[in-house]
Amino acid sequence: MSFKIQYKNECKKIKIPDNFEQLMSYTTRAFEGLDLPPKFKFYYLDSDGDMISLSCQEDFTEAIDSMDGTIKLIIEESLESAKISIDLDQSFR
C-alpha cells in the first residue's frame, strides 16, 4: 500500500508513513522549492467519489483503514482548489 502525493505537476509515490506527522515532514522535504501553500491540506477521492480532506492524525488513520491499494493525495489550500486539481488530472486520462 502506498500514497501518491501530487502538487501542481509534480507527483511522488511513497510507502505509507507511520503517522500524519511523518507524512507532513516527507511532503515538505519532497516538494521543497515548489512553494507549497503555508496551510495546505491533503485531499483524496474515496471509493464513493467523495472528496475527503486529510489534515490530522485521525484523518490519516481513517484513510489508512479504508484504503485498498494506493491513495492519491492532492495538496491544496482548499476543497475548491482540490476539486479543480482532481478534475484537471482526470481530464488528462
PDB file of N, CA and C in Angstrom:
ATOM      1  N   MET A   1       0.844  -1.175   0.000  1.00  0.00           N
ATOM      2  CA  MET A   1       0.000   0.000   0.000  1.00  0.00           C
ATOM      3  C   MET A   1       0.891   1.240   0.000  1.00  0.00           C
ATOM      4  N   SER A   2       0.407   2.274  -0.672  1.00  0.00           N
ATOM      5  CA  SER A   2       1.221   3.480  -0.789  1.00  0.00           C
ATOM      6  C   SER A   2       0.348   4.702  -1.018  1.00  0.00           C
ATOM      7  N   PHE A   3       0.982   5.848  -0.892  1.00  0.00           N
ATOM      8  CA  PHE A   3       0.372   7.129  -1.233  1.00  0.00           C
ATOM      9  C   PHE A   3       1.055   7.666  -2.481  1.00  0.00           C
ATOM     10  N   LYS A   4       0.282   8.272  -3.363  1.00  0.00           N
ATOM     11  CA  LYS A   4       0.825   9.141  -4.404  1.00  0.00           C
ATOM     12  C   LYS A   4       0.464  10.540  -3.944  1.00  0.00           C
ATOM     13  N   ILE A   5       1.454  11.411  -3.909  1.00  0.00           N
ATOM     14  CA  ILE A   5       1.233  12.780  -3.457  1.00  0.00           C
ATOM     15  C   ILE A   5       1.489  13.707  -4.635  1.00  0.00           C
ATOM     16  N   GLN A   6       0.498  14.545  -4.948  1.00  0.00           N
ATOM     17  CA  GLN A   6       0.630  15.428  -6.099  1.00  0.00           C
ATOM     18  C   GLN A   6       0.463  16.887  -5.683  1.00  0.00           C
ATOM     19  N   TYR A   7       1.391  17.686  -6.178  1.00  0.00           N
ATOM     20  CA  TYR A   7       1.279  19.140  -6.045  1.00  0.00           C
ATOM     21  C   TYR A   7       1.634  19.739  -7.387  1.00  0.00           C
ATOM     22  N   LYS A   8       0.721  20.503  -7.935  1.00  0.00           N
ATOM     23  CA  LYS A   8       0.861  21.059  -9.281  1.00  0.00           C
ATOM     24  C   LYS A   8       1.153  19.908 -10.245  1.00  0.00           C
ATOM     25  N   ASN A   9       2.242  19.954 -10.985  1.00  0.00           N
ATOM     26  CA  ASN A   9       2.551  18.906 -11.959  1.00  0.00           C
ATOM     27  C   ASN A   9       3.534  17.861 -11.436  1.00  0.00           C
ATOM     28  N   GLU A  10       3.882  17.953 -10.179  1.00  0.00           N
ATOM     29  CA  GLU A  10       4.854  17.045  -9.568  1.00  0.00           C
ATOM     30  C   GLU A  10       4.118  15.958  -8.777  1.00  0.00           C
ATOM     31  N   CYS A  11       4.543  14.704  -8.935  1.00  0.00           N
ATOM     32  CA  CYS A  11       3.904  13.591  -8.229  1.00  0.00           C
ATOM     33  C   CYS A  11       4.986  12.695  -7.629  1.00  0.00           C
ATOM     34  N   LYS A  12       4.805  12.309  -6.365  1.00  0.00           N
ATOM     35  CA  LYS A  12       5.730  11.424  -5.660  1.00  0.00           C
ATOM     36  C   LYS A  12       4.941  10.217  -5.156  1.00  0.00           C
ATOM     37  N   LYS A  13       5.572   9.045  -5.147  1.00  0.00           N
ATOM     38  CA  LYS A  13       4.946   7.846  -4.610  1.00  0.00           C
ATOM     39  C   LYS A  13       5.771   7.382  -3.424  1.00  0.00           C
ATOM     40  N   ILE A  14       5.094   7.172  -2.291  1.00  0.00           N
ATOM     41  CA  ILE A  14       5.798   6.772  -1.075  1.00  0.00           C
ATOM     42  C   ILE A  14       5.080   5.612  -0.395  1.00  0.00           C
ATOM     43  N   LYS A  15       5.840   4.853   0.392  1.00  0.00           N
ATOM     44  CA  LYS A  15       5.228   3.863   1.270  1.00  0.00           C
ATOM     45  C   LYS A  15       4.472   4.614   2.360  1.00  0.00           C
ATOM     46  N   ILE A  16       3.477   3.976   2.903  1.00  0.00           N
ATOM     47  CA  ILE A  16       2.671   4.606   3.949  1.00  0.00           C
ATOM     48  C   ILE A  16       3.555   4.908   5.161  1.00  0.00           C
ATOM     49  N   PRO A  17       3.633   6.181   5.564  1.00  0.00           N
ATOM     50  CA  PRO A  17       4.406   6.517   6.771  1.00  0.00           C
ATOM     51  C   PRO A  17       3.679   6.024   8.028  1.00  0.00           C
ATOM     52  N   ASP A  18       4.360   6.083   9.159  1.00  0.00           N
ATOM     53  CA  ASP A  18       3.784   5.612  10.419  1.00  0.00           C
ATOM     54  C   ASP A  18       2.676   6.505  10.954  1.00  0.00           C
ATOM     55  N   ASN A  19       2.753   7.803  10.630  1.00  0.00           N
ATOM     56  CA  ASN A  19       1.763   8.729  11.181  1.00  0.00           C
ATOM     57  C   ASN A  19       1.667   9.993  10.324  1.00  0.00           C
ATOM     58  N   PHE A  20       0.718  10.844  10.671  1.00  0.00           N
ATOM     59  CA  PHE A  20       0.469  12.069   9.918  1.00  0.00           C
ATOM     60  C   PHE A  20       1.671  13.009   9.956  1.00  0.00           C
ATOM     61  N   GLU A  21       2.327  13.079  11.099  1.00  0.00           N
ATOM     62  CA  GLU A  21       3.494  13.959  11.227  1.00  0.00           C
ATOM     63  C   GLU A  21       4.597  13.577  10.234  1.00  0.00           C
ATOM     64  N   GLN A  22       4.830  12.279  10.073  1.00  0.00           N
ATOM     65  CA  GLN A  22       5.830  11.827   9.105  1.00  0.00           C
ATOM     66  C   GLN A  22       5.401  12.143   7.675  1.00  0.00           C
ATOM     67  N   LEU A  23       4.107  12.034   7.390  1.00  0.00           N
ATOM     68  CA  LEU A  23       3.593  12.392   6.069  1.00  0.00           C
ATOM     69  C   LEU A  23       3.857  13.866   5.775  1.00  0.00           C
ATOM     70  N   MET A  24       3.585  14.718   6.744  1.00  0.00           N
ATOM     71  CA  MET A  24       3.827  16.158   6.570  1.00  0.00           C
ATOM     72  C   MET A  24       5.315  16.431   6.377  1.00  0.00           C
ATOM     73  N   SER A  25       6.150  15.799   7.172  1.00  0.00           N
ATOM     74  CA  SER A  25       7.588  16.008   7.090  1.00  0.00           C
ATOM     75  C   SER A  25       8.130  15.576   5.729  1.00  0.00           C
ATOM     76  N   TYR A  26       7.736  14.397   5.285  1.00  0.00           N
ATOM     77  CA  TYR A  26       8.177  13.923   3.973  1.00  0.00           C
ATOM     78  C   TYR A  26       7.724  14.886   2.876  1.00  0.00           C
ATOM     79  N   THR A  27       6.481  15.308   2.944  1.00  0.00           N
ATOM     80  CA  THR A  27       5.911  16.163   1.898  1.00  0.00           C
ATOM     81  C   THR A  27       6.639  17.492   1.801  1.00  0.00           C
ATOM     82  N   THR A  28       6.909  18.120   2.923  1.00  0.00           N
ATOM     83  CA  THR A  28       7.602  19.412   2.874  1.00  0.00           C
ATOM     84  C   THR A  28       9.016  19.266   2.329  1.00  0.00           C
ATOM     85  N   ARG A  29       9.682  18.147   2.642  1.00  0.00           N
ATOM     86  CA  ARG A  29      11.019  17.905   2.084  1.00  0.00           C
ATOM     87  C   ARG A  29      10.941  17.569   0.597  1.00  0.00           C
ATOM     88  N   ALA A  30      10.021  16.705   0.224  1.00  0.00           N
ATOM     89  CA  ALA A  30       9.933  16.228  -1.165  1.00  0.00           C
ATOM     90  C   ALA A  30       9.548  17.332  -2.141  1.00  0.00           C
ATOM     91  N   PHE A  31       8.746  18.281  -1.691  1.00  0.00           N
ATOM     92  CA  PHE A  31       8.282  19.346  -2.572  1.00  0.00           C
ATOM     93  C   PHE A  31       8.955  20.681  -2.265  1.00  0.00           C
ATOM     94  N   GLU A  32      10.077  20.623  -1.581  1.00  0.00           N
ATOM     95  CA  GLU A  32      10.844  21.828  -1.264  1.00  0.00           C
ATOM     96  C   GLU A  32      11.185  22.566  -2.561  1.00  0.00           C
ATOM     97  N   GLY A  33      11.008  23.853  -2.542  1.00  0.00           N
ATOM     98  CA  GLY A  33      11.297  24.655  -3.721  1.00  0.00           C
ATOM     99  C   GLY A  33      10.098  24.841  -4.638  1.00  0.00           C
ATOM    100  N   LEU A  34       8.994  24.139  -4.369  1.00  0.00           N
ATOM    101  CA  LEU A  34       7.799  24.289  -5.204  1.00  0.00           C
ATOM    102  C   LEU A  34       6.770  25.222  -4.583  1.00  0.00           C
ATOM    103  N   ASP A  35       7.151  25.913  -3.532  1.00  0.00           N
ATOM    104  CA  ASP A  35       6.286  26.933  -2.944  1.00  0.00           C
ATOM    105  C   ASP A  35       4.949  26.364  -2.471  1.00  0.00           C
ATOM    106  N   LEU A  36       5.008  25.353  -1.589  1.00  0.00           N
ATOM    107  CA  LEU A  36       3.785  24.782  -1.023  1.00  0.00           C
ATOM    108  C   LEU A  36       2.982  25.852  -0.309  1.00  0.00           C
ATOM    109  N   PRO A  37       1.661  25.787  -0.379  1.00  0.00           N
ATOM    110  CA  PRO A  37       0.843  26.745   0.370  1.00  0.00           C
ATOM    111  C   PRO A  37       1.161  26.648   1.865  1.00  0.00           C
ATOM    112  N   PRO A  38       1.163  27.758   2.581  1.00  0.00           N
ATOM    113  CA  PRO A  38       1.541  27.721   4.000  1.00  0.00           C
ATOM    114  C   PRO A  38       0.630  26.839   4.856  1.00  0.00           C
ATOM    115  N   LYS A  39      -0.649  26.784   4.534  1.00  0.00           N
ATOM    116  CA  LYS A  39      -1.584  25.972   5.324  1.00  0.00           C
ATOM    117  C   LYS A  39      -2.266  24.959   4.412  1.00  0.00           C
ATOM    118  N   PHE A  40      -1.464  24.097   3.796  1.00  0.00           N
ATOM    119  CA  PHE A  40      -2.042  23.135   2.870  1.00  0.00           C
ATOM    120  C   PHE A  40      -2.675  21.960   3.601  1.00  0.00           C
ATOM    121  N   LYS A  41      -3.555  21.284   2.880  1.00  0.00           N
ATOM    122  CA  LYS A  41      -4.161  20.038   3.328  1.00  0.00           C
ATOM    123  C   LYS A  41      -3.988  19.022   2.203  1.00  0.00           C
ATOM    124  N   PHE A  42      -4.193  17.778   2.563  1.00  0.00           N
ATOM    125  CA  PHE A  42      -4.236  16.707   1.579  1.00  0.00           C
ATOM    126  C   PHE A  42      -5.702  16.398   1.306  1.00  0.00           C
ATOM    127  N   TYR A  43      -6.014  16.094   0.065  1.00  0.00           N
ATOM    128  CA  TYR A  43      -7.366  15.692  -0.322  1.00  0.00           C
ATOM    129  C   TYR A  43      -7.264  14.443  -1.177  1.00  0.00           C
ATOM    130  N   TYR A  44      -8.285  13.591  -1.083  1.00  0.00           N
ATOM    131  CA  TYR A  44      -8.346  12.410  -1.938  1.00  0.00           C
ATOM    132  C   TYR A  44      -9.798  12.043  -2.213  1.00  0.00           C
ATOM    133  N   LEU A  45      -9.995  11.289  -3.284  1.00  0.00           N
ATOM    134  CA  LEU A  45     -11.322  10.778  -3.613  1.00  0.00           C
ATOM    135  C   LEU A  45     -11.493   9.419  -2.953  1.00  0.00           C
ATOM    136  N   ASP A  46     -12.593   9.246  -2.226  1.00  0.00           N
ATOM    137  CA  ASP A  46     -12.840   7.940  -1.622  1.00  0.00           C
ATOM    138  C   ASP A  46     -13.555   7.023  -2.610  1.00  0.00           C
ATOM    139  N   SER A  47     -13.873   5.826  -2.184  1.00  0.00           N
ATOM    140  CA  SER A  47     -14.476   4.833  -3.075  1.00  0.00           C
ATOM    141  C   SER A  47     -15.870   5.233  -3.554  1.00  0.00           C
ATOM    142  N   ASP A  48     -16.518   6.185  -2.861  1.00  0.00           N
ATOM    143  CA  ASP A  48     -17.824   6.688  -3.281  1.00  0.00           C
ATOM    144  C   ASP A  48     -17.709   7.884  -4.214  1.00  0.00           C
ATOM    145  N   GLY A  49     -16.474   8.345  -4.473  1.00  0.00           N
ATOM    146  CA  GLY A  49     -16.265   9.505  -5.323  1.00  0.00           C
ATOM    147  C   GLY A  49     -16.362  10.827  -4.580  1.00  0.00           C
ATOM    148  N   ASP A  50     -16.368  10.773  -3.233  1.00  0.00           N
ATOM    149  CA  ASP A  50     -16.416  11.988  -2.417  1.00  0.00           C
ATOM    150  C   ASP A  50     -15.006  12.492  -2.153  1.00  0.00           C
ATOM    151  N   MET A  51     -14.849  13.818  -2.130  1.00  0.00           N
ATOM    152  CA  MET A  51     -13.567  14.437  -1.823  1.00  0.00           C
ATOM    153  C   MET A  51     -13.407  14.484  -0.302  1.00  0.00           C
ATOM    154  N   ILE A  52     -12.332  13.867   0.202  1.00  0.00           N
ATOM    155  CA  ILE A  52     -12.067  13.773   1.636  1.00  0.00           C
ATOM    156  C   ILE A  52     -10.797  14.547   1.956  1.00  0.00           C
ATOM    157  N   SER A  53     -10.842  15.342   3.030  1.00  0.00           N
ATOM    158  CA  SER A  53      -9.631  16.053   3.449  1.00  0.00           C
ATOM    159  C   SER A  53      -8.882  15.230   4.483  1.00  0.00           C
ATOM    160  N   LEU A  54      -7.572  15.360   4.458  1.00  0.00           N
ATOM    161  CA  LEU A  54      -6.704  14.649   5.388  1.00  0.00           C
ATOM    162  C   LEU A  54      -5.802  15.713   6.007  1.00  0.00           C
ATOM    163  N   SER A  55      -6.076  16.055   7.269  1.00  0.00           N
ATOM    164  CA  SER A  55      -5.331  17.162   7.863  1.00  0.00           C
ATOM    165  C   SER A  55      -4.904  16.925   9.314  1.00  0.00           C
ATOM    166  N   CYS A  56      -5.067  15.683   9.808  1.00  0.00           N
ATOM    167  CA  CYS A  56      -4.655  15.380  11.174  1.00  0.00           C
ATOM    168  C   CYS A  56      -4.472  13.874  11.318  1.00  0.00           C
ATOM    169  N   GLN A  57      -4.016  13.437  12.477  1.00  0.00           N
ATOM    170  CA  GLN A  57      -3.761  12.016  12.710  1.00  0.00           C
ATOM    171  C   GLN A  57      -5.033  11.177  12.552  1.00  0.00           C
ATOM    172  N   GLU A  58      -6.160  11.679  13.035  1.00  0.00           N
ATOM    173  CA  GLU A  58      -7.408  10.919  12.927  1.00  0.00           C
ATOM    174  C   GLU A  58      -7.795  10.706  11.464  1.00  0.00           C
ATOM    175  N   ASP A  59      -7.648  11.748  10.642  1.00  0.00           N
ATOM    176  CA  ASP A  59      -7.929  11.622   9.206  1.00  0.00           C
ATOM    177  C   ASP A  59      -6.978  10.620   8.559  1.00  0.00           C
ATOM    178  N   PHE A  60      -5.724  10.686   8.960  1.00  0.00           N
ATOM    179  CA  PHE A  60      -4.694   9.785   8.435  1.00  0.00           C
ATOM    180  C   PHE A  60      -5.062   8.326   8.746  1.00  0.00           C
ATOM    181  N   THR A  61      -5.427   8.062   9.993  1.00  0.00           N
ATOM    182  CA  THR A  61      -5.800   6.711  10.410  1.00  0.00           C
ATOM    183  C   THR A  61      -7.007   6.216   9.635  1.00  0.00           C
ATOM    184  N   GLU A  62      -8.005   7.057   9.461  1.00  0.00           N
ATOM    185  CA  GLU A  62      -9.208   6.676   8.710  1.00  0.00           C
ATOM    186  C   GLU A  62      -8.862   6.362   7.256  1.00  0.00           C
ATOM    187  N   ALA A  63      -8.004   7.153   6.647  1.00  0.00           N
ATOM    188  CA  ALA A  63      -7.600   6.903   5.258  1.00  0.00           C
ATOM    189  C   ALA A  63      -6.891   5.562   5.143  1.00  0.00           C
ATOM    190  N   ILE A  64      -6.002   5.273   6.070  1.00  0.00           N
ATOM    191  CA  ILE A  64      -5.266   4.010   6.064  1.00  0.00           C
ATOM    192  C   ILE A  64      -6.227   2.839   6.231  1.00  0.00           C
ATOM    193  N   ASP A  65      -7.161   2.971   7.181  1.00  0.00           N
ATOM    194  CA  ASP A  65      -8.111   1.892   7.456  1.00  0.00           C
ATOM    195  C   ASP A  65      -9.034   1.605   6.269  1.00  0.00           C
ATOM    196  N   SER A  66      -9.316   2.617   5.468  1.00  0.00           N
ATOM    197  CA  SER A  66     -10.267   2.430   4.367  1.00  0.00           C
ATOM    198  C   SER A  66      -9.598   2.194   3.017  1.00  0.00           C
ATOM    199  N   MET A  67      -8.269   2.253   2.969  1.00  0.00           N
ATOM    200  CA  MET A  67      -7.612   2.172   1.666  1.00  0.00           C
ATOM    201  C   MET A  67      -7.487   0.742   1.168  1.00  0.00           C
ATOM    202  N   ASP A  68      -7.521   0.642  -0.140  1.00  0.00           N
ATOM    203  CA  ASP A  68      -7.366  -0.636  -0.824  1.00  0.00           C
ATOM    204  C   ASP A  68      -6.394  -0.387  -1.972  1.00  0.00           C
ATOM    205  N   GLY A  69      -5.104  -0.501  -1.688  1.00  0.00           N
ATOM    206  CA  GLY A  69      -4.103  -0.197  -2.707  1.00  0.00           C
ATOM    207  C   GLY A  69      -3.472   1.154  -2.471  1.00  0.00           C
ATOM    208  N   THR A  70      -3.475   1.987  -3.504  1.00  0.00           N
ATOM    209  CA  THR A  70      -2.836   3.301  -3.448  1.00  0.00           C
ATOM    210  C   THR A  70      -3.884   4.404  -3.362  1.00  0.00           C
ATOM    211  N   ILE A  71      -3.626   5.393  -2.511  1.00  0.00           N
ATOM    212  CA  ILE A  71      -4.469   6.591  -2.448  1.00  0.00           C
ATOM    213  C   ILE A  71      -3.670   7.749  -3.022  1.00  0.00           C
ATOM    214  N   LYS A  72      -4.284   8.495  -3.931  1.00  0.00           N
ATOM    215  CA  LYS A  72      -3.641   9.681  -4.488  1.00  0.00           C
ATOM    216  C   LYS A  72      -4.068  10.890  -3.674  1.00  0.00           C
ATOM    217  N   LEU A  73      -3.094  11.530  -3.050  1.00  0.00           N
ATOM    218  CA  LEU A  73      -3.333  12.729  -2.247  1.00  0.00           C
ATOM    219  C   LEU A  73      -2.998  13.960  -3.075  1.00  0.00           C
ATOM    220  N   ILE A  74      -3.910  14.900  -3.107  1.00  0.00           N
ATOM    221  CA  ILE A  74      -3.701  16.173  -3.783  1.00  0.00           C
ATOM    222  C   ILE A  74      -3.402  17.216  -2.721  1.00  0.00           C
ATOM    223  N   ILE A  75      -2.364  18.003  -2.915  1.00  0.00           N
ATOM    224  CA  ILE A  75      -2.021  19.071  -1.976  1.00  0.00           C
ATOM    225  C   ILE A  75      -2.662  20.366  -2.461  1.00  0.00           C
ATOM    226  N   GLU A  76      -3.509  20.947  -1.631  1.00  0.00           N
ATOM    227  CA  GLU A  76      -4.164  22.223  -1.941  1.00  0.00           C
ATOM    228  C   GLU A  76      -4.493  22.948  -0.644  1.00  0.00           C
ATOM    229  N   GLU A  77      -4.856  24.223  -0.775  1.00  0.00           N
ATOM    230  CA  GLU A  77      -5.252  25.019   0.386  1.00  0.00           C
ATOM    231  C   GLU A  77      -6.730  24.875   0.719  1.00  0.00           C
ATOM    232  N   SER A  78      -7.550  24.520  -0.286  1.00  0.00           N
ATOM    233  CA  SER A  78      -8.986  24.484  -0.061  1.00  0.00           C
ATOM    234  C   SER A  78      -9.631  23.335  -0.841  1.00  0.00           C
ATOM    235  N   LEU A  79     -10.827  22.993  -0.431  1.00  0.00           N
ATOM    236  CA  LEU A  79     -11.593  21.952  -1.113  1.00  0.00           C
ATOM    237  C   LEU A  79     -11.866  22.330  -2.565  1.00  0.00           C
ATOM    238  N   GLU A  80     -12.186  23.591  -2.798  1.00  0.00           N
ATOM    239  CA  GLU A  80     -12.473  24.050  -4.159  1.00  0.00           C
ATOM    240  C   GLU A  80     -11.263  23.859  -5.074  1.00  0.00           C
ATOM    241  N   SER A  81     -10.090  24.224  -4.576  1.00  0.00           N
ATOM    242  CA  SER A  81      -8.856  24.054  -5.356  1.00  0.00           C
ATOM    243  C   SER A  81      -8.567  22.578  -5.609  1.00  0.00           C
ATOM    244  N   ALA A  82      -8.824  21.738  -4.618  1.00  0.00           N
ATOM    245  CA  ALA A  82      -8.592  20.299  -4.768  1.00  0.00           C
ATOM    246  C   ALA A  82      -9.515  19.712  -5.833  1.00  0.00           C
ATOM    247  N   LYS A  83     -10.769  20.142  -5.845  1.00  0.00           N
ATOM    248  CA  LYS A  83     -11.708  19.647  -6.859  1.00  0.00           C
ATOM    249  C   LYS A  83     -11.250  20.030  -8.262  1.00  0.00           C
ATOM    250  N   ILE A  84     -10.747  21.238  -8.414  1.00  0.00           N
ATOM    251  CA  ILE A  84     -10.235  21.674  -9.718  1.00  0.00           C
ATOM    252  C   ILE A  84      -9.035  20.823 -10.117  1.00  0.00           C
ATOM    253  N   SER A  85      -8.126  20.569  -9.178  1.00  0.00           N
ATOM    254  CA  SER A  85      -6.942  19.751  -9.461  1.00  0.00           C
ATOM    255  C   SER A  85      -7.335  18.337  -9.860  1.00  0.00           C
ATOM    256  N   ILE A  86      -8.292  17.757  -9.166  1.00  0.00           N
ATOM    257  CA  ILE A  86      -8.759  16.401  -9.494  1.00  0.00           C
ATOM    258  C   ILE A  86      -9.389  16.389 -10.880  1.00  0.00           C
ATOM    259  N   ASP A  87     -10.229  17.393 -11.174  1.00  0.00           N
ATOM    260  CA  ASP A  87     -10.877  17.470 -12.490  1.00  0.00           C
ATOM    261  C   ASP A  87      -9.847  17.601 -13.606  1.00  0.00           C
ATOM    262  N   LEU A  88      -8.830  18.446 -13.399  1.00  0.00           N
ATOM    263  CA  LEU A  88      -7.777  18.614 -14.407  1.00  0.00           C
ATOM    264  C   LEU A  88      -7.002  17.326 -14.580  1.00  0.00           C
ATOM    265  N   ASP A  89      -6.692  16.668 -13.478  1.00  0.00           N
ATOM    266  CA  ASP A  89      -5.922  15.424 -13.541  1.00  0.00           C
ATOM    267  C   ASP A  89      -6.704  14.351 -14.294  1.00  0.00           C
ATOM    268  N   GLN A  90      -7.992  14.233 -14.040  1.00  0.00           N
ATOM    269  CA  GLN A  90      -8.799  13.207 -14.693  1.00  0.00           C
ATOM    270  C   GLN A  90      -9.039  13.527 -16.167  1.00  0.00           C
ATOM    271  N   SER A  91      -8.969  14.792 -16.530  1.00  0.00           N
ATOM    272  CA  SER A  91      -9.178  15.142 -17.937  1.00  0.00           C
ATOM    273  C   SER A  91      -8.007  14.730 -18.821  1.00  0.00           C
ATOM    274  N   PHE A  92      -6.845  14.431 -18.223  1.00  0.00           N
ATOM    275  CA  PHE A  92      -5.678  14.010 -18.987  1.00  0.00           C
ATOM    276  C   PHE A  92      -5.600  12.500 -19.153  1.00  0.00           C
ATOM    277  N   ARG A  93      -6.563  11.761 -18.625  1.00  0.00           N
ATOM    278  CA  ARG A  93      -6.541  10.284 -18.725  1.00  0.00           C
ATOM    279  C   ARG A  93      -7.201   9.806 -19.972  1.00  0.00           C
TER     280      ARG A  93
END
